[in-house]
Amino acid sequence: MPMHAPKQQQGHAFEQQARAYLEAKGLSYLAHNWQQAGVGEIDLIMLERGTAWDIVVFIEVRQRRVSHFGDAIESVTRKKQQNIVKTAKHFLQQHPQYADCECRFDVLGYSGTDAQGAASAPTWIQGAFMAQAW
């Protein structure tokens, strides 16, 4: 499905940057923009391989200029977190091969630009929030 709106194109570009950044940190790509109708969407789903066990990482990617409303990380509301958790449960139900993996919810935020106007390095908050009554 083509993205026509500038905001959609911008969001896709930041998600691609986030994916490259996380892959450079050793995570493996599983999915992007994974949706569960009527529940929500997860920007990126990655796998972090561990020596003892693997971790499925559900990642919210945010871009926002710093303002009096806060930065990109602060823009992930409690409601958004709840929707991500619900959507993650559906992902795991539909992908039982990850049933034995631990799960983590991260936020990767782009809040500024460098001197050339390009996005600054992201802020990566691992374990940014927890699932209640998982």
N, C-alpha and C. Protein backbone atom coordinates (compact mmCIF):
# COMPACT_ATOMS: atom_id res chain seq x y z
N MET A 1 0.83 -1.16 0.00
CA MET A 1 0.00 0.00 0.00
C MET A 1 0.89 1.24 0.00
N PRO A 2 0.80 2.08 -1.01
CA PRO A 2 1.67 3.25 -1.07
C PRO A 2 1.29 4.27 0.00
N MET A 3 2.31 4.96 0.49
CA MET A 3 2.09 6.01 1.47
C MET A 3 2.13 7.34 0.75
N HIS A 4 1.06 8.11 0.84
CA HIS A 4 0.98 9.37 0.13
C HIS A 4 1.17 10.57 1.04
N ALA A 5 0.67 10.51 2.24
CA ALA A 5 0.74 11.65 3.14
C ALA A 5 2.19 11.89 3.57
N PRO A 6 2.62 13.15 3.59
CA PRO A 6 3.99 13.45 4.02
C PRO A 6 4.32 12.90 5.40
N LYS A 7 3.35 12.96 6.33
CA LYS A 7 3.59 12.45 7.68
C LYS A 7 3.84 10.93 7.66
N GLN A 8 3.11 10.20 6.80
CA GLN A 8 3.32 8.77 6.67
C GLN A 8 4.71 8.48 6.09
N GLN A 9 5.10 9.24 5.09
CA GLN A 9 6.41 9.06 4.47
C GLN A 9 7.52 9.35 5.49
N GLN A 10 7.33 10.41 6.27
CA GLN A 10 8.32 10.76 7.28
C GLN A 10 8.41 9.66 8.34
N GLY A 11 7.26 9.16 8.80
CA GLY A 11 7.24 8.08 9.78
C GLY A 11 7.93 6.84 9.26
N HIS A 12 7.67 6.49 8.01
CA HIS A 12 8.31 5.32 7.40
C HIS A 12 9.83 5.51 7.35
N ALA A 13 10.28 6.71 7.00
CA ALA A 13 11.72 6.98 6.92
C ALA A 13 12.38 6.81 8.29
N PHE A 14 11.74 7.31 9.34
CA PHE A 14 12.30 7.16 10.69
C PHE A 14 12.28 5.70 11.14
N GLU A 15 11.26 4.96 10.76
CA GLU A 15 11.22 3.53 11.10
C GLU A 15 12.33 2.78 10.40
N GLN A 16 12.63 3.14 9.15
CA GLN A 16 13.74 2.51 8.43
C GLN A 16 15.08 2.84 9.08
N GLN A 17 15.24 4.09 9.50
CA GLN A 17 16.46 4.49 10.21
C GLN A 17 16.59 3.71 11.52
N ALA A 18 15.47 3.58 12.22
CA ALA A 18 15.47 2.86 13.49
C ALA A 18 15.84 1.39 13.27
N ARG A 19 15.28 0.80 12.24
CA ARG A 19 15.60 -0.60 11.95
C ARG A 19 17.09 -0.77 11.68
N ALA A 20 17.67 0.10 10.86
CA ALA A 20 19.11 0.01 10.56
C ALA A 20 19.93 0.20 11.84
N TYR A 21 19.53 1.14 12.65
CA TYR A 21 20.24 1.40 13.92
C TYR A 21 20.21 0.16 14.81
N LEU A 22 19.04 -0.45 14.96
CA LEU A 22 18.89 -1.61 15.83
C LEU A 22 19.60 -2.84 15.27
N GLU A 23 19.57 -3.00 13.95
CA GLU A 23 20.31 -4.11 13.35
C GLU A 23 21.80 -3.94 13.57
N ALA A 24 22.29 -2.70 13.51
CA ALA A 24 23.71 -2.43 13.78
C ALA A 24 24.07 -2.75 15.23
N LYS A 25 23.07 -2.72 16.11
CA LYS A 25 23.27 -3.06 17.53
C LYS A 25 23.10 -4.56 17.78
N GLY A 26 22.83 -5.33 16.72
CA GLY A 26 22.77 -6.78 16.84
C GLY A 26 21.39 -7.40 16.88
N LEU A 27 20.33 -6.62 16.78
CA LEU A 27 18.99 -7.17 16.77
C LEU A 27 18.63 -7.64 15.36
N SER A 28 17.78 -8.64 15.28
CA SER A 28 17.33 -9.18 13.99
C SER A 28 15.89 -8.74 13.73
N TYR A 29 15.63 -8.38 12.51
CA TYR A 29 14.31 -7.89 12.09
C TYR A 29 13.30 -9.03 12.01
N LEU A 30 12.11 -8.81 12.57
CA LEU A 30 11.01 -9.76 12.43
C LEU A 30 9.85 -9.16 11.63
N ALA A 31 9.45 -7.93 11.96
CA ALA A 31 8.29 -7.31 11.28
C ALA A 31 8.29 -5.82 11.52
N HIS A 32 7.55 -5.11 10.66
CA HIS A 32 7.32 -3.68 10.87
C HIS A 32 5.86 -3.36 10.59
N ASN A 33 5.38 -2.34 11.27
CA ASN A 33 3.99 -1.91 11.14
C ASN A 33 3.02 -3.08 11.28
N TRP A 34 3.29 -3.95 12.26
CA TRP A 34 2.45 -5.12 12.47
C TRP A 34 1.17 -4.66 13.15
N GLN A 35 0.03 -5.00 12.55
CA GLN A 35 -1.26 -4.51 13.03
C GLN A 35 -2.19 -5.64 13.45
N GLN A 36 -2.97 -5.32 14.45
CA GLN A 36 -4.10 -6.16 14.84
C GLN A 36 -5.32 -5.27 14.76
N ALA A 37 -6.22 -5.60 13.84
CA ALA A 37 -7.40 -4.76 13.60
C ALA A 37 -8.14 -4.47 14.90
N GLY A 38 -8.47 -3.23 15.10
CA GLY A 38 -9.23 -2.82 16.26
C GLY A 38 -8.43 -2.74 17.55
N VAL A 39 -7.14 -3.06 17.48
CA VAL A 39 -6.33 -3.06 18.70
C VAL A 39 -5.20 -2.03 18.59
N GLY A 40 -4.33 -2.21 17.60
CA GLY A 40 -3.20 -1.29 17.47
C GLY A 40 -2.18 -1.77 16.47
N GLU A 41 -1.07 -1.05 16.48
CA GLU A 41 0.04 -1.32 15.56
C GLU A 41 1.35 -1.21 16.32
N ILE A 42 2.30 -2.04 15.92
CA ILE A 42 3.65 -1.99 16.48
C ILE A 42 4.59 -1.61 15.34
N ASP A 43 5.39 -0.56 15.57
CA ASP A 43 6.27 -0.05 14.52
C ASP A 43 7.30 -1.08 14.08
N LEU A 44 8.03 -1.64 15.03
CA LEU A 44 9.06 -2.63 14.72
C LEU A 44 9.00 -3.78 15.72
N ILE A 45 9.22 -4.97 15.22
CA ILE A 45 9.38 -6.13 16.09
C ILE A 45 10.71 -6.75 15.71
N MET A 46 11.57 -6.87 16.71
CA MET A 46 12.93 -7.36 16.49
C MET A 46 13.20 -8.52 17.46
N LEU A 47 14.24 -9.25 17.17
CA LEU A 47 14.65 -10.36 18.03
C LEU A 47 16.07 -10.09 18.51
N GLU A 48 16.24 -10.16 19.82
CA GLU A 48 17.56 -10.02 20.42
C GLU A 48 18.00 -11.40 20.87
N ARG A 49 19.04 -11.90 20.25
CA ARG A 49 19.54 -13.24 20.59
C ARG A 49 20.42 -13.17 21.83
N GLY A 50 20.13 -14.05 22.76
CA GLY A 50 20.92 -14.11 23.98
C GLY A 50 21.62 -15.45 24.08
N THR A 51 22.53 -15.55 25.02
CA THR A 51 23.24 -16.82 25.20
C THR A 51 22.35 -17.86 25.86
N ALA A 52 21.46 -17.41 26.74
CA ALA A 52 20.56 -18.34 27.43
C ALA A 52 19.17 -18.38 26.80
N TRP A 53 18.68 -17.24 26.32
CA TRP A 53 17.36 -17.18 25.72
C TRP A 53 17.27 -15.97 24.81
N ASP A 54 16.26 -15.97 23.96
CA ASP A 54 16.03 -14.86 23.04
C ASP A 54 14.94 -13.95 23.59
N ILE A 55 14.98 -12.70 23.15
CA ILE A 55 14.01 -11.71 23.58
C ILE A 55 13.32 -11.12 22.35
N VAL A 56 11.99 -11.17 22.32
CA VAL A 56 11.24 -10.48 21.29
C VAL A 56 11.07 -9.05 21.78
N VAL A 57 11.50 -8.11 20.94
CA VAL A 57 11.48 -6.70 21.33
C VAL A 57 10.44 -5.97 20.48
N PHE A 58 9.46 -5.39 21.15
CA PHE A 58 8.42 -4.61 20.50
C PHE A 58 8.81 -3.14 20.64
N ILE A 59 8.94 -2.45 19.52
CA ILE A 59 9.53 -1.11 19.53
C ILE A 59 8.58 -0.07 18.95
N GLU A 60 8.38 0.99 19.72
CA GLU A 60 7.65 2.16 19.26
C GLU A 60 8.69 3.18 18.81
N VAL A 61 8.57 3.63 17.57
CA VAL A 61 9.49 4.63 17.02
C VAL A 61 8.76 5.96 17.00
N ARG A 62 9.39 6.98 17.58
CA ARG A 62 8.78 8.30 17.64
C ARG A 62 9.75 9.37 17.17
N GLN A 63 9.20 10.35 16.47
CA GLN A 63 9.97 11.51 16.06
C GLN A 63 9.17 12.73 16.46
N ARG A 64 9.85 13.63 17.16
CA ARG A 64 9.16 14.84 17.61
C ARG A 64 10.19 15.88 17.99
N ARG A 65 9.95 17.09 17.58
CA ARG A 65 10.82 18.19 18.02
C ARG A 65 10.57 18.42 19.51
N VAL A 66 11.62 18.76 20.20
CA VAL A 66 11.48 19.08 21.62
C VAL A 66 10.66 20.36 21.74
N SER A 67 9.65 20.32 22.59
CA SER A 67 8.80 21.49 22.82
C SER A 67 8.36 21.48 24.28
N HIS A 68 7.51 22.43 24.62
CA HIS A 68 7.01 22.45 25.99
C HIS A 68 6.10 21.25 26.28
N PHE A 69 5.74 20.49 25.24
CA PHE A 69 4.95 19.27 25.41
C PHE A 69 5.84 18.06 25.68
N GLY A 70 7.16 18.22 25.57
CA GLY A 70 8.07 17.12 25.81
C GLY A 70 8.74 16.65 24.54
N ASP A 71 9.54 15.62 24.67
CA ASP A 71 10.27 15.09 23.53
C ASP A 71 9.59 13.83 22.98
N ALA A 72 10.25 13.18 22.04
CA ALA A 72 9.66 12.00 21.39
C ALA A 72 9.37 10.87 22.38
N ILE A 73 10.28 10.62 23.27
CA ILE A 73 10.10 9.53 24.24
C ILE A 73 8.89 9.81 25.13
N GLU A 74 8.76 11.05 25.58
CA GLU A 74 7.67 11.41 26.47
C GLU A 74 6.30 11.37 25.80
N SER A 75 6.29 11.31 24.47
CA SER A 75 5.02 11.32 23.76
C SER A 75 4.34 9.95 23.71
N VAL A 76 4.98 8.93 24.24
CA VAL A 76 4.37 7.60 24.28
C VAL A 76 3.52 7.52 25.54
N THR A 77 2.23 7.73 25.35
CA THR A 77 1.30 7.80 26.47
C THR A 77 1.00 6.43 27.06
N ARG A 78 0.39 6.42 28.22
CA ARG A 78 -0.02 5.18 28.88
C ARG A 78 -0.99 4.41 27.97
N LYS A 79 -1.91 5.12 27.32
CA LYS A 79 -2.87 4.48 26.40
C LYS A 79 -2.13 3.83 25.24
N LYS A 80 -1.14 4.51 24.68
CA LYS A 80 -0.35 3.94 23.58
C LYS A 80 0.38 2.69 24.07
N GLN A 81 0.94 2.75 25.26
CA GLN A 81 1.63 1.59 25.83
C GLN A 81 0.67 0.41 25.96
N GLN A 82 -0.54 0.67 26.45
CA GLN A 82 -1.53 -0.40 26.61
C GLN A 82 -1.89 -1.02 25.26
N ASN A 83 -2.03 -0.20 24.23
CA ASN A 83 -2.35 -0.72 22.89
C ASN A 83 -1.20 -1.54 22.33
N ILE A 84 0.02 -1.13 22.58
CA ILE A 84 1.19 -1.89 22.11
C ILE A 84 1.21 -3.26 22.80
N VAL A 85 0.96 -3.28 24.10
CA VAL A 85 0.96 -4.54 24.85
C VAL A 85 -0.13 -5.47 24.31
N LYS A 86 -1.33 -4.95 24.11
CA LYS A 86 -2.43 -5.77 23.57
C LYS A 86 -2.07 -6.32 22.19
N THR A 87 -1.49 -5.48 21.36
CA THR A 87 -1.10 -5.90 20.01
C THR A 87 0.00 -6.95 20.09
N ALA A 88 0.93 -6.78 21.00
CA ALA A 88 2.02 -7.76 21.18
C ALA A 88 1.46 -9.13 21.56
N LYS A 89 0.44 -9.15 22.39
CA LYS A 89 -0.19 -10.43 22.77
C LYS A 89 -0.75 -11.13 21.53
N HIS A 90 -1.38 -10.38 20.65
CA HIS A 90 -1.91 -10.96 19.41
C HIS A 90 -0.78 -11.47 18.52
N PHE A 91 0.31 -10.71 18.44
CA PHE A 91 1.46 -11.15 17.64
C PHE A 91 1.97 -12.50 18.17
N LEU A 92 2.12 -12.61 19.47
CA LEU A 92 2.65 -13.85 20.05
C LEU A 92 1.68 -15.02 19.86
N GLN A 93 0.38 -14.75 19.92
CA GLN A 93 -0.60 -15.80 19.67
C GLN A 93 -0.52 -16.31 18.24
N GLN A 94 -0.25 -15.40 17.31
CA GLN A 94 -0.19 -15.76 15.90
C GLN A 94 1.19 -16.26 15.47
N HIS A 95 2.18 -16.14 16.34
CA HIS A 95 3.54 -16.60 16.04
C HIS A 95 4.05 -17.44 17.21
N PRO A 96 3.52 -18.65 17.36
CA PRO A 96 3.86 -19.48 18.53
C PRO A 96 5.34 -19.86 18.60
N GLN A 97 6.09 -19.68 17.52
CA GLN A 97 7.52 -20.00 17.57
C GLN A 97 8.27 -19.09 18.54
N TYR A 98 7.64 -17.98 18.96
CA TYR A 98 8.27 -17.07 19.92
C TYR A 98 7.69 -17.21 21.32
N ALA A 99 6.90 -18.25 21.55
CA ALA A 99 6.21 -18.43 22.83
C ALA A 99 7.18 -18.58 24.00
N ASP A 100 8.35 -19.13 23.77
CA ASP A 100 9.31 -19.34 24.86
C ASP A 100 10.27 -18.18 25.04
N CYS A 101 10.13 -17.15 24.25
CA CYS A 101 11.01 -15.99 24.35
C CYS A 101 10.50 -15.02 25.40
N GLU A 102 11.43 -14.31 26.00
CA GLU A 102 11.03 -13.19 26.84
C GLU A 102 10.60 -12.06 25.93
N CYS A 103 9.90 -11.08 26.48
CA CYS A 103 9.45 -9.92 25.71
C CYS A 103 9.91 -8.65 26.40
N ARG A 104 10.15 -7.65 25.56
CA ARG A 104 10.55 -6.34 26.09
C ARG A 104 9.89 -5.26 25.23
N PHE A 105 9.57 -4.15 25.86
CA PHE A 105 8.94 -3.02 25.17
C PHE A 105 9.89 -1.83 25.21
N ASP A 106 10.37 -1.45 24.04
CA ASP A 106 11.34 -0.36 23.92
C ASP A 106 10.72 0.82 23.20
N VAL A 107 11.32 1.98 23.38
CA VAL A 107 10.96 3.17 22.63
C VAL A 107 12.24 3.73 22.05
N LEU A 108 12.20 4.05 20.77
CA LEU A 108 13.33 4.66 20.09
C LEU A 108 12.85 6.02 19.57
N GLY A 109 13.44 7.07 20.12
CA GLY A 109 12.95 8.40 19.80
C GLY A 109 13.98 9.28 19.12
N TYR A 110 13.51 10.03 18.15
CA TYR A 110 14.31 11.05 17.47
C TYR A 110 13.72 12.40 17.88
N SER A 111 14.50 13.19 18.60
CA SER A 111 13.96 14.44 19.13
C SER A 111 14.62 15.70 18.61
N GLY A 112 15.58 15.58 17.79
CA GLY A 112 16.25 16.78 17.33
C GLY A 112 16.90 16.58 15.98
N THR A 113 17.60 17.60 15.53
CA THR A 113 18.32 17.55 14.27
C THR A 113 19.75 18.03 14.50
N ASP A 114 20.64 17.61 13.62
CA ASP A 114 22.02 18.07 13.71
C ASP A 114 22.17 19.39 12.95
N ALA A 115 23.39 19.88 12.81
CA ALA A 115 23.63 21.18 12.18
C ALA A 115 23.18 21.22 10.72
N GLN A 116 23.14 20.07 10.06
CA GLN A 116 22.71 20.00 8.66
C GLN A 116 21.21 19.76 8.52
N GLY A 117 20.50 19.65 9.63
CA GLY A 117 19.06 19.45 9.59
C GLY A 117 18.64 17.99 9.53
N ALA A 118 19.61 17.07 9.57
CA ALA A 118 19.29 15.64 9.56
C ALA A 118 18.92 15.21 10.98
N ALA A 119 18.21 14.10 11.07
CA ALA A 119 17.81 13.59 12.38
C ALA A 119 19.04 13.30 13.23
N SER A 120 18.97 13.70 14.49
CA SER A 120 20.05 13.40 15.41
C SER A 120 20.02 11.92 15.76
N ALA A 121 21.05 11.48 16.44
CA ALA A 121 21.09 10.08 16.88
C ALA A 121 19.88 9.79 17.76
N PRO A 122 19.33 8.61 17.65
CA PRO A 122 18.13 8.30 18.45
C PRO A 122 18.46 8.06 19.91
N THR A 123 17.46 8.22 20.73
CA THR A 123 17.51 7.80 22.12
C THR A 123 16.77 6.48 22.20
N TRP A 124 17.46 5.46 22.68
CA TRP A 124 16.88 4.11 22.74
C TRP A 124 16.66 3.76 24.20
N ILE A 125 15.42 3.65 24.59
CA ILE A 125 15.07 3.27 25.95
C ILE A 125 14.64 1.80 25.93
N GLN A 126 15.50 0.94 26.44
CA GLN A 126 15.19 -0.49 26.52
C GLN A 126 14.35 -0.72 27.77
N GLY A 127 13.29 -1.50 27.61
CA GLY A 127 12.40 -1.74 28.74
C GLY A 127 11.71 -0.45 29.17
N ALA A 128 11.27 0.32 28.19
CA ALA A 128 10.68 1.64 28.46
C ALA A 128 9.40 1.53 29.29
N PHE A 129 8.69 0.43 29.13
CA PHE A 129 7.49 0.20 29.93
C PHE A 129 7.28 -1.29 30.05
N MET A 130 6.43 -1.65 30.98
CA MET A 130 6.18 -3.07 31.27
C MET A 130 4.73 -3.42 30.94
N ALA A 131 4.52 -4.68 30.64
CA ALA A 131 3.16 -5.18 30.44
C ALA A 131 2.58 -5.50 31.82
N GLN A 132 1.41 -4.96 32.09
CA GLN A 132 0.73 -5.26 33.35
C GLN A 132 -0.10 -6.53 33.16
N ALA A 133 0.00 -7.43 34.10
CA ALA A 133 -0.76 -8.70 34.06
C ALA A 133 -0.57 -9.41 32.74
N TRP A 134 0.68 -9.57 32.34
CA TRP A 134 1.03 -10.22 31.08
C TRP A 134 0.47 -11.61 31.11
